[in-house]
Protein backbone atom coordinates (compact mmCIF):
# COMPACT_ATOMS: atom_id res chain seq x y z
CA MET A 1 0.00 0.00 0.00
CA ILE A 2 1.40 3.40 -0.97
CA PRO A 3 1.04 5.96 1.86
CA ARG A 4 -0.31 8.80 -0.26
CA ILE A 5 -3.81 10.09 -0.81
CA PRO A 6 -5.33 10.71 -4.25
CA VAL A 7 -6.31 14.25 -5.15
CA HIS A 8 -9.71 13.56 -3.65
CA VAL A 9 -12.52 11.11 -3.32
CA THR A 10 -15.76 13.06 -3.14
CA LEU A 11 -17.78 11.95 -0.13
CA SER A 12 -20.45 14.65 -0.44
CA GLN A 13 -21.49 17.02 -3.21
CA TRP A 14 -20.94 20.75 -2.65
CA PHE A 15 -23.68 22.33 -0.54
CA HIS A 16 -24.89 25.73 0.66
CA MET A 17 -25.76 26.37 4.30
CA PRO A 18 -26.50 29.28 6.62
CA LEU A 19 -23.28 30.67 8.14
CA GLY A 20 -24.81 30.28 11.59
CA GLU A 21 -24.78 26.49 11.12
CA VAL A 22 -21.05 26.11 10.39
CA LEU A 23 -20.09 25.55 14.04
CA SER A 24 -22.77 22.86 14.37
CA LEU A 25 -21.56 21.29 11.13
CA LYS A 26 -17.99 21.13 12.40
CA GLN A 27 -19.15 19.42 15.61
CA GLU A 28 -21.26 16.93 13.66
CA LEU A 29 -18.34 16.13 11.34
CA ARG A 30 -16.21 15.17 14.36
CA GLY A 31 -18.92 12.60 15.09
CA VAL A 32 -18.83 11.29 11.52
CA ALA A 33 -15.05 10.82 11.75
CA GLY A 34 -15.44 9.01 15.06
CA ARG A 35 -18.07 6.61 13.72
CA HIS A 36 -16.04 5.40 10.74
CA GLU A 37 -12.85 3.40 10.40
CA THR A 38 -10.20 4.48 7.92
CA PRO A 39 -11.41 3.27 4.52
CA VAL A 40 -8.91 1.52 2.26
CA ILE A 41 -9.89 1.96 -1.36
CA GLU A 42 -8.93 0.07 -4.49
CA GLY A 43 -8.79 1.56 -7.97
CA LEU A 44 -11.22 -0.04 -10.41
CA ASN A 45 -11.90 0.77 -14.05
CA GLU A 46 -11.31 4.14 -15.67
CA ASN A 47 -14.45 5.96 -16.74
CA SER A 48 -15.74 9.34 -17.91
CA PHE A 49 -18.23 11.40 -15.93
CA GLY A 50 -19.89 14.74 -16.50
CA SER A 51 -22.69 15.99 -18.69
CA GLU A 52 -20.45 15.60 -21.75
CA ASN A 53 -18.45 12.59 -20.51
CA ASP A 54 -15.34 14.78 -20.47
CA VAL A 55 -14.20 14.22 -16.88
CA ARG A 56 -11.68 11.39 -16.59
CA VAL A 57 -12.12 9.37 -13.37
CA ARG A 58 -11.03 6.11 -11.76
CA GLU A 59 -13.89 4.41 -9.99
CA VAL A 60 -12.98 3.03 -6.56
CA ARG A 61 -14.39 0.63 -4.00
CA THR A 62 -13.74 0.05 -0.32
CA VAL A 63 -11.73 -3.10 0.45
CA GLN A 64 -11.24 -2.53 4.19
CA GLY A 65 -12.65 -0.22 6.88
CA SER A 66 -15.81 1.82 6.55
CA ARG A 67 -17.58 1.72 3.18
CA LEU A 68 -17.54 5.01 1.28
CA ASP A 69 -21.29 4.85 0.60
CA LEU A 70 -22.02 4.58 4.35
CA ILE A 71 -19.79 7.60 5.04
CA HIS A 72 -21.57 9.42 2.20
CA PHE A 73 -25.02 8.74 3.70
CA ASP A 74 -23.80 9.80 7.16
CA LEU A 75 -22.54 13.08 5.69
CA LEU A 76 -25.84 13.67 3.86
CA ARG A 77 -27.68 13.26 7.16
CA VAL A 78 -25.35 15.77 8.86
CA VAL A 79 -25.64 18.33 6.05
CA ALA A 80 -29.45 18.11 6.18
CA ALA A 81 -29.46 18.40 10.00
CA CYS A 82 -27.43 21.61 9.67
CA ARG A 83 -29.89 23.04 7.11
CA GLY A 84 -27.53 22.52 4.20
CA VAL A 85 -28.81 22.26 0.63
CA ILE A 86 -26.93 20.00 -1.78
CA ARG A 87 -26.10 21.79 -5.05
CA HIS A 88 -26.45 18.73 -7.30
CA PRO A 89 -28.80 16.25 -5.61
CA GLU A 90 -28.83 14.11 -8.76
CA TYR A 91 -25.37 12.81 -7.76
CA VAL A 92 -26.13 11.75 -4.19
CA GLY A 93 -27.72 8.75 -2.51
CA VAL A 94 -28.20 5.83 -4.88
CA ASN A 95 -26.51 7.91 -7.62
CA TYR A 96 -23.29 8.27 -5.61
CA HIS A 97 -20.35 6.65 -7.42
CA PRO A 98 -17.05 6.85 -5.49
CA HIS A 99 -14.21 7.91 -7.78
CA VAL A 100 -10.93 9.79 -8.04
CA THR A 101 -10.86 12.59 -10.61
CA PHE A 102 -7.81 12.69 -12.87
CA LYS A 103 -5.81 15.93 -13.01
CA GLU A 104 -2.55 16.40 -14.87
CA ASP A 105 0.56 16.40 -12.66
CA GLU A 106 -1.35 15.34 -9.53
CA PRO A 107 -1.51 11.98 -7.71
CA TRP A 108 -3.70 9.32 -9.30
CA ILE A 109 -4.78 5.84 -8.31
CA GLU A 110 -4.08 2.99 -10.70
CA GLU A 111 -6.34 0.00 -11.33
CA GLY A 112 -5.76 -2.52 -8.52
CA GLU A 113 -3.83 -0.02 -6.38
CA LYS A 114 -4.93 0.25 -2.73
CA ILE A 115 -4.76 3.46 -0.71
CA ALA A 116 -5.86 4.30 2.85
CA LEU A 117 -7.95 7.46 3.19
CA GLU A 118 -6.95 8.57 6.65
CA HIS A 119 -9.02 11.74 6.83
CA PHE A 120 -11.61 13.92 5.15
CA GLU A 121 -11.72 17.69 4.78
CA LEU A 122 -14.34 20.40 5.13
CA ILE A 123 -13.68 22.75 2.22
CA GLU A 124 -15.16 26.20 1.82
CA SER A 125 -15.84 27.16 -1.78
CA ILE A 126 -16.48 30.76 -2.71
CA ASP A 127 -18.85 31.18 -5.66
CA SER A 128 -16.78 33.57 -7.73
CA PRO A 129 -14.92 33.66 -11.05
CA ALA A 130 -11.69 32.87 -9.15
CA GLY A 131 -13.35 29.82 -7.58
CA LYS A 132 -11.43 30.15 -4.31
CA ARG A 133 -11.39 27.00 -2.16
CA GLU A 134 -9.99 26.71 1.34
CA VAL A 135 -9.68 23.75 3.71
CA LEU A 136 -11.43 24.80 6.93
CA LYS A 137 -10.81 21.65 8.93
CA THR A 138 -9.42 18.15 8.56
CA TYR A 139 -11.06 15.18 10.34
CA ASP A 140 -9.17 11.93 10.94
CA PHE A 141 -11.16 8.71 10.77
CA THR A 142 -11.00 7.19 14.26
CA GLY A 143 -13.92 4.75 14.43
């Protein structure tokens, strides 16, 4: 197992929420991290996602630890409890497909490769032409 983490595995779609709920969200996310063991993922087939099939991805599955779909559903519950609204609900729930998005010159997961995802991040995204994104907090899986 290589001790690096792919660019990202999306566990929840982007969402909007009232600023007054951010503290509650952060507390709830600590609970999510505590309920789940570190997932170990394996790279599966390469695929294309997006409305025009122009986003290169490697689908992944959990081979050890907490399943990504269970973490995903736990996060959806937390976002809803904190009055969050998912931007693209068509990609959540039964339509959630764990994957790593390919980006030039960034880490990638090969077919059959196994990687431990030791943490997840809460990322703030500013809706602007610059598309600023900032990691607000990192949560280690401890379940």
